[in-house]
C-alpha cells in the first residue's frame, strides 16, 4: 500500500479545509481519529491546512486586483516549506482543495525530501482530488435542492 489510512486522512483533512467543505471536514476529522491520528496530530493538521488555505487566498489577491485594474505589489509564498511527512500530506491536500497551483507545485517539489515516494505522492493527490470533487458535487447538489425548495415555496405562495 502506498499510503496508510492515516496518511490518506491527513491529505483529506487538508483538502477539506482547503476547499471549505463542512461535510468533508465533519467526515474526515473523525475518520482521522479512527485511522489512529491523535488529537494533537489532528489539531496540527487543521492548523497546517488553514495556513495553506490562507496563503492561497493571499497569493491570489494581487492577480484579482490586477484584473480589476487596481495596482498592487506582487506577493510571494510566505510560509515555510513543510518540516514533516504529515505536514507535507496536509499541505498537498490543502493546495489541491484551494486550487492553489503555485503552492501545489512548491509542496510537490518538497515532498520527496520528506519521505514521500512518487507513488505515495500520487496517492495523496488522488485522495485530495477526490475530496475536492466530492465537495464540489455536494455544493452543487445543495444549490439545486435549495432552488427546488424555493420554487416550491414560491409556487405555494403564488397559490395562496
C-alpha atoms as a PDB file:
ATOM      1  CA  UNK A   1       0.000   0.000   0.000  1.00  0.00           C
ATOM      2  CA  UNK A   2       1.393   3.396  -0.981  1.00  0.00           C
ATOM      3  CA  UNK A   3      -0.293   5.308   1.840  1.00  0.00           C
ATOM      4  CA  UNK A   4      -1.688   4.138   5.140  1.00  0.00           C
ATOM      5  CA  UNK A   5      -5.211   5.255   6.005  1.00  0.00           C
ATOM      6  CA  UNK A   6      -3.927   7.825   8.497  1.00  0.00           C
ATOM      7  CA  UNK A   7      -1.824   9.418   5.735  1.00  0.00           C
ATOM      8  CA  UNK A   8      -4.810   9.460   3.367  1.00  0.00           C
ATOM      9  CA  UNK A   9      -6.846  11.179   6.087  1.00  0.00           C
ATOM     10  CA  UNK A  10      -4.153  13.831   6.526  1.00  0.00           C
ATOM     11  CA  UNK A  11      -4.386  14.670   2.817  1.00  0.00           C
ATOM     12  CA  UNK A  12      -8.194  14.556   3.011  1.00  0.00           C
ATOM     13  CA  UNK A  13      -8.311  16.874   6.028  1.00  0.00           C
ATOM     14  CA  UNK A  14      -6.074  19.303   4.152  1.00  0.00           C
ATOM     15  CA  UNK A  15      -8.311  19.191   1.079  1.00  0.00           C
ATOM     16  CA  UNK A  16     -11.473  19.509   3.189  1.00  0.00           C
ATOM     17  CA  UNK A  17     -10.228  22.673   4.836  1.00  0.00           C
ATOM     18  CA  UNK A  18      -8.623  23.941   1.637  1.00  0.00           C
ATOM     19  CA  UNK A  19     -11.979  23.874  -0.154  1.00  0.00           C
ATOM     20  CA  UNK A  20     -14.013  24.936   2.909  1.00  0.00           C
ATOM     21  CA  UNK A  21     -16.219  21.850   2.783  1.00  0.00           C
ATOM     22  CA  UNK A  22     -18.068  21.432   6.060  1.00  0.00           C
ATOM     23  CA  UNK A  23     -19.454  17.941   5.299  1.00  0.00           C
ATOM     24  CA  UNK A  24     -15.958  16.840   4.266  1.00  0.00           C
ATOM     25  CA  UNK A  25     -14.420  18.202   7.469  1.00  0.00           C
ATOM     26  CA  UNK A  26     -17.170  16.569   9.529  1.00  0.00           C
ATOM     27  CA  UNK A  27     -16.331  13.250   7.892  1.00  0.00           C
ATOM     28  CA  UNK A  28     -12.529  13.353   7.695  1.00  0.00           C
ATOM     29  CA  UNK A  29     -11.657  14.601  11.180  1.00  0.00           C
ATOM     30  CA  UNK A  30     -13.480  11.662  12.844  1.00  0.00           C
ATOM     31  CA  UNK A  31     -12.089   9.357  10.128  1.00  0.00           C
ATOM     32  CA  UNK A  32      -8.622  10.606  11.057  1.00  0.00           C
ATOM     33  CA  UNK A  33      -9.275   9.643  14.666  1.00  0.00           C
ATOM     34  CA  UNK A  34     -10.431   6.203  13.569  1.00  0.00           C
ATOM     35  CA  UNK A  35      -7.259   5.854  11.475  1.00  0.00           C
ATOM     36  CA  UNK A  36      -5.150   6.494  14.580  1.00  0.00           C
ATOM     37  CA  UNK A  37      -4.381  10.207  14.465  1.00  0.00           C
ATOM     38  CA  UNK A  38      -4.088  11.751  17.918  1.00  0.00           C
ATOM     39  CA  UNK A  39      -5.862  14.943  18.950  1.00  0.00           C
ATOM     40  CA  UNK A  40      -2.530  16.771  18.736  1.00  0.00           C
ATOM     41  CA  UNK A  41      -1.936  15.440  15.215  1.00  0.00           C
ATOM     42  CA  UNK A  42      -5.457  16.435  14.175  1.00  0.00           C
ATOM     43  CA  UNK A  43      -5.060  19.945  15.595  1.00  0.00           C
ATOM     44  CA  UNK A  44      -1.698  20.286  13.838  1.00  0.00           C
ATOM     45  CA  UNK A  45      -3.239  19.096  10.552  1.00  0.00           C
ATOM     46  CA  UNK A  46      -6.053  21.626  10.842  1.00  0.00           C
ATOM     47  CA  UNK A  47      -3.611  24.455  11.625  1.00  0.00           C
ATOM     48  CA  UNK A  48      -1.395  23.499   8.688  1.00  0.00           C
ATOM     49  CA  UNK A  49      -4.360  23.286   6.305  1.00  0.00           C
ATOM     50  CA  UNK A  50      -5.684  26.658   7.444  1.00  0.00           C
ATOM     51  CA  UNK A  51      -2.285  28.261   6.904  1.00  0.00           C
ATOM     52  CA  UNK A  52      -2.017  26.841   3.383  1.00  0.00           C
ATOM     53  CA  UNK A  53      -5.601  27.866   2.535  1.00  0.00           C
ATOM     54  CA  UNK A  54      -4.996  31.375   3.862  1.00  0.00           C
ATOM     55  CA  UNK A  55      -1.759  31.653   1.924  1.00  0.00           C
ATOM     56  CA  UNK A  56      -3.585  30.585  -1.257  1.00  0.00           C
ATOM     57  CA  UNK A  57      -6.022  33.459  -0.761  1.00  0.00           C
ATOM     58  CA  UNK A  58      -3.187  35.910  -0.137  1.00  0.00           C
ATOM     59  CA  UNK A  59      -1.338  34.779  -3.262  1.00  0.00           C
ATOM     60  CA  UNK A  60      -4.414  35.128  -5.474  1.00  0.00           C
ATOM     61  CA  UNK A  61      -5.445  38.581  -4.242  1.00  0.00           C
ATOM     62  CA  UNK A  62      -2.921  40.631  -6.271  1.00  0.00           C
ATOM     63  CA  UNK A  63      -4.000  38.953  -9.512  1.00  0.00           C
ATOM     64  CA  UNK A  64      -7.647  39.672  -8.757  1.00  0.00           C
ATOM     65  CA  UNK A  65      -6.801  43.316  -8.100  1.00  0.00           C
ATOM     66  CA  UNK A  66      -4.774  43.464 -11.309  1.00  0.00           C
ATOM     67  CA  UNK A  67      -7.709  42.091 -13.312  1.00  0.00           C
ATOM     68  CA  UNK A  68      -9.898  44.786 -11.761  1.00  0.00           C
ATOM     69  CA  UNK A  69      -7.428  47.419 -12.928  1.00  0.00           C
ATOM     70  CA  UNK A  70      -6.047  48.117  -9.492  1.00  0.00           C
ATOM     71  CA  UNK A  71      -2.351  48.091  -8.837  1.00  0.00           C
ATOM     72  CA  UNK A  72      -0.818  46.062  -6.024  1.00  0.00           C
ATOM     73  CA  UNK A  73       2.620  44.692  -5.455  1.00  0.00           C
ATOM     74  CA  UNK A  74       3.397  41.041  -6.067  1.00  0.00           C
ATOM     75  CA  UNK A  75       3.104  38.640  -3.167  1.00  0.00           C
ATOM     76  CA  UNK A  76       5.359  35.625  -2.937  1.00  0.00           C
ATOM     77  CA  UNK A  77       4.885  32.474  -0.916  1.00  0.00           C
ATOM     78  CA  UNK A  78       5.403  33.323   2.735  1.00  0.00           C
ATOM     79  CA  UNK A  79       5.082  30.058   4.626  1.00  0.00           C
ATOM     80  CA  UNK A  80       7.976  27.784   5.307  1.00  0.00           C
ATOM     81  CA  UNK A  81       8.362  24.522   3.478  1.00  0.00           C
ATOM     82  CA  UNK A  82       6.919  21.604   5.408  1.00  0.00           C
ATOM     83  CA  UNK A  83       9.023  20.079   8.132  1.00  0.00           C
ATOM     84  CA  UNK A  84       7.474  16.613   8.286  1.00  0.00           C
ATOM     85  CA  UNK A  85       5.776  13.980   6.187  1.00  0.00           C
ATOM     86  CA  UNK A  86       2.451  14.748   7.918  1.00  0.00           C
ATOM     87  CA  UNK A  87       2.736  18.458   7.132  1.00  0.00           C
ATOM     88  CA  UNK A  88       3.564  17.632   3.524  1.00  0.00           C
ATOM     89  CA  UNK A  89       0.465  15.448   3.173  1.00  0.00           C
ATOM     90  CA  UNK A  90      -1.800  18.094   4.688  1.00  0.00           C
ATOM     91  CA  UNK A  91      -0.249  20.899   2.624  1.00  0.00           C
ATOM     92  CA  UNK A  92      -0.664  18.889  -0.572  1.00  0.00           C
ATOM     93  CA  UNK A  93      -4.319  18.305   0.246  1.00  0.00           C
ATOM     94  CA  UNK A  94      -4.977  21.926   1.159  1.00  0.00           C
ATOM     95  CA  UNK A  95      -3.254  23.147  -2.009  1.00  0.00           C
ATOM     96  CA  UNK A  96      -5.484  20.915  -4.132  1.00  0.00           C
ATOM     97  CA  UNK A  97      -8.583  21.923  -2.173  1.00  0.00           C
ATOM     98  CA  UNK A  98      -7.795  25.613  -2.577  1.00  0.00           C
ATOM     99  CA  UNK A  99      -6.839  25.288  -6.275  1.00  0.00           C
ATOM    100  CA  UNK A 100      -3.514  26.923  -5.416  1.00  0.00           C
ATOM    101  CA  UNK A 101      -1.259  25.955  -8.312  1.00  0.00           C
ATOM    102  CA  UNK A 102       1.811  27.837  -7.087  1.00  0.00           C
ATOM    103  CA  UNK A 103       1.563  26.249  -3.654  1.00  0.00           C
ATOM    104  CA  UNK A 104       0.817  22.828  -5.111  1.00  0.00           C
ATOM    105  CA  UNK A 105       3.976  22.986  -7.211  1.00  0.00           C
ATOM    106  CA  UNK A 106       6.020  24.015  -4.188  1.00  0.00           C
ATOM    107  CA  UNK A 107       4.591  21.254  -1.974  1.00  0.00           C
ATOM    108  CA  UNK A 108       5.012  18.576  -4.648  1.00  0.00           C
ATOM    109  CA  UNK A 109       8.644  19.616  -5.108  1.00  0.00           C
ATOM    110  CA  UNK A 110       9.327  19.454  -1.361  1.00  0.00           C
ATOM    111  CA  UNK A 111       7.515  16.144  -0.741  1.00  0.00           C
ATOM    112  CA  UNK A 112      10.290  13.705  -1.742  1.00  0.00           C
ATOM    113  CA  UNK A 113      12.694  15.325   0.739  1.00  0.00           C
ATOM    114  CA  UNK A 114      10.178  14.479   3.480  1.00  0.00           C
ATOM    115  CA  UNK A 115       9.964  10.813   2.584  1.00  0.00           C
ATOM    116  CA  UNK A 116       7.079  10.740   0.121  1.00  0.00           C
ATOM    117  CA  UNK A 117       7.747   8.425  -2.807  1.00  0.00           C
ATOM    118  CA  UNK A 118       6.297   9.205  -6.224  1.00  0.00           C
ATOM    119  CA  UNK A 119       3.603   6.580  -5.583  1.00  0.00           C
ATOM    120  CA  UNK A 120       2.720   7.970  -2.164  1.00  0.00           C
ATOM    121  CA  UNK A 121       2.632  11.475  -3.590  1.00  0.00           C
ATOM    122  CA  UNK A 122       0.287  10.335  -6.364  1.00  0.00           C
ATOM    123  CA  UNK A 123      -1.950   8.572  -3.813  1.00  0.00           C
ATOM    124  CA  UNK A 124      -2.144  11.684  -1.615  1.00  0.00           C
ATOM    125  CA  UNK A 125      -3.008  13.856  -4.613  1.00  0.00           C
ATOM    126  CA  UNK A 126      -5.628  11.355  -5.736  1.00  0.00           C
ATOM    127  CA  UNK A 127      -7.260  11.426  -2.291  1.00  0.00           C
ATOM    128  CA  UNK A 128      -7.201  15.235  -2.198  1.00  0.00           C
ATOM    129  CA  UNK A 129      -8.648  15.408  -5.693  1.00  0.00           C
ATOM    130  CA  UNK A 130     -11.442  13.047  -4.711  1.00  0.00           C
ATOM    131  CA  UNK A 131     -12.315  15.185  -1.673  1.00  0.00           C
ATOM    132  CA  UNK A 132     -12.288  18.360  -3.769  1.00  0.00           C
ATOM    133  CA  UNK A 133     -14.521  16.765  -6.400  1.00  0.00           C
ATOM    134  CA  UNK A 134     -16.998  15.458  -3.811  1.00  0.00           C
ATOM    135  CA  UNK A 135     -17.076  18.872  -2.123  1.00  0.00           C
ATOM    136  CA  UNK A 136     -17.969  20.499  -5.419  1.00  0.00           C
ATOM    137  CA  UNK A 137     -20.654  17.902  -6.141  1.00  0.00           C
ATOM    138  CA  UNK A 138     -22.201  18.265  -2.673  1.00  0.00           C
ATOM    139  CA  UNK A 139     -22.282  22.049  -3.024  1.00  0.00           C
ATOM    140  CA  UNK A 140     -23.922  21.847  -6.451  1.00  0.00           C
ATOM    141  CA  UNK A 141     -26.480  19.340  -5.113  1.00  0.00           C
ATOM    142  CA  UNK A 142     -27.250  21.624  -2.162  1.00  0.00           C
ATOM    143  CA  UNK A 143     -27.741  24.578  -4.517  1.00  0.00           C
ATOM    144  CA  UNK A 144     -30.098  22.524  -6.672  1.00  0.00           C
ATOM    145  CA  UNK A 145     -32.143  21.380  -3.655  1.00  0.00           C
ATOM    146  CA  UNK A 146     -32.340  24.922  -2.340  1.00  0.00           C
ATOM    147  CA  UNK A 147     -33.562  26.205  -5.696  1.00  0.00           C
ATOM    148  CA  UNK A 148     -36.148  23.439  -5.830  1.00  0.00           C
ATOM    149  CA  UNK A 149     -37.320  24.267  -2.299  1.00  0.00           C
ATOM    150  CA  UNK A 150     -37.545  27.956  -3.159  1.00  0.00           C
ATOM    151  CA  UNK A 151     -39.544  27.066  -6.250  1.00  0.00           C
ATOM    152  CA  UNK A 152     -41.944  25.016  -4.149  1.00  0.00           C
ATOM    153  CA  UNK A 153     -42.231  27.833  -1.622  1.00  0.00           C
ATOM    154  CA  UNK A 154     -42.744  30.436  -4.354  1.00  0.00           C
ATOM    155  CA  UNK A 155     -45.287  28.185  -6.083  1.00  0.00           C
ATOM    156  CA  UNK A 156     -47.165  27.691  -2.804  1.00  0.00           C
ATOM    157  CA  UNK A 157     -47.146  31.414  -2.059  1.00  0.00           C
ATOM    158  CA  UNK A 158     -48.498  32.192  -5.528  1.00  0.00           C
ATOM    159  CA  UNK A 159     -51.406  29.813  -4.987  1.00  0.00           C
ATOM    160  CA  UNK A 160     -52.346  31.348  -1.617  1.00  0.00           C
END
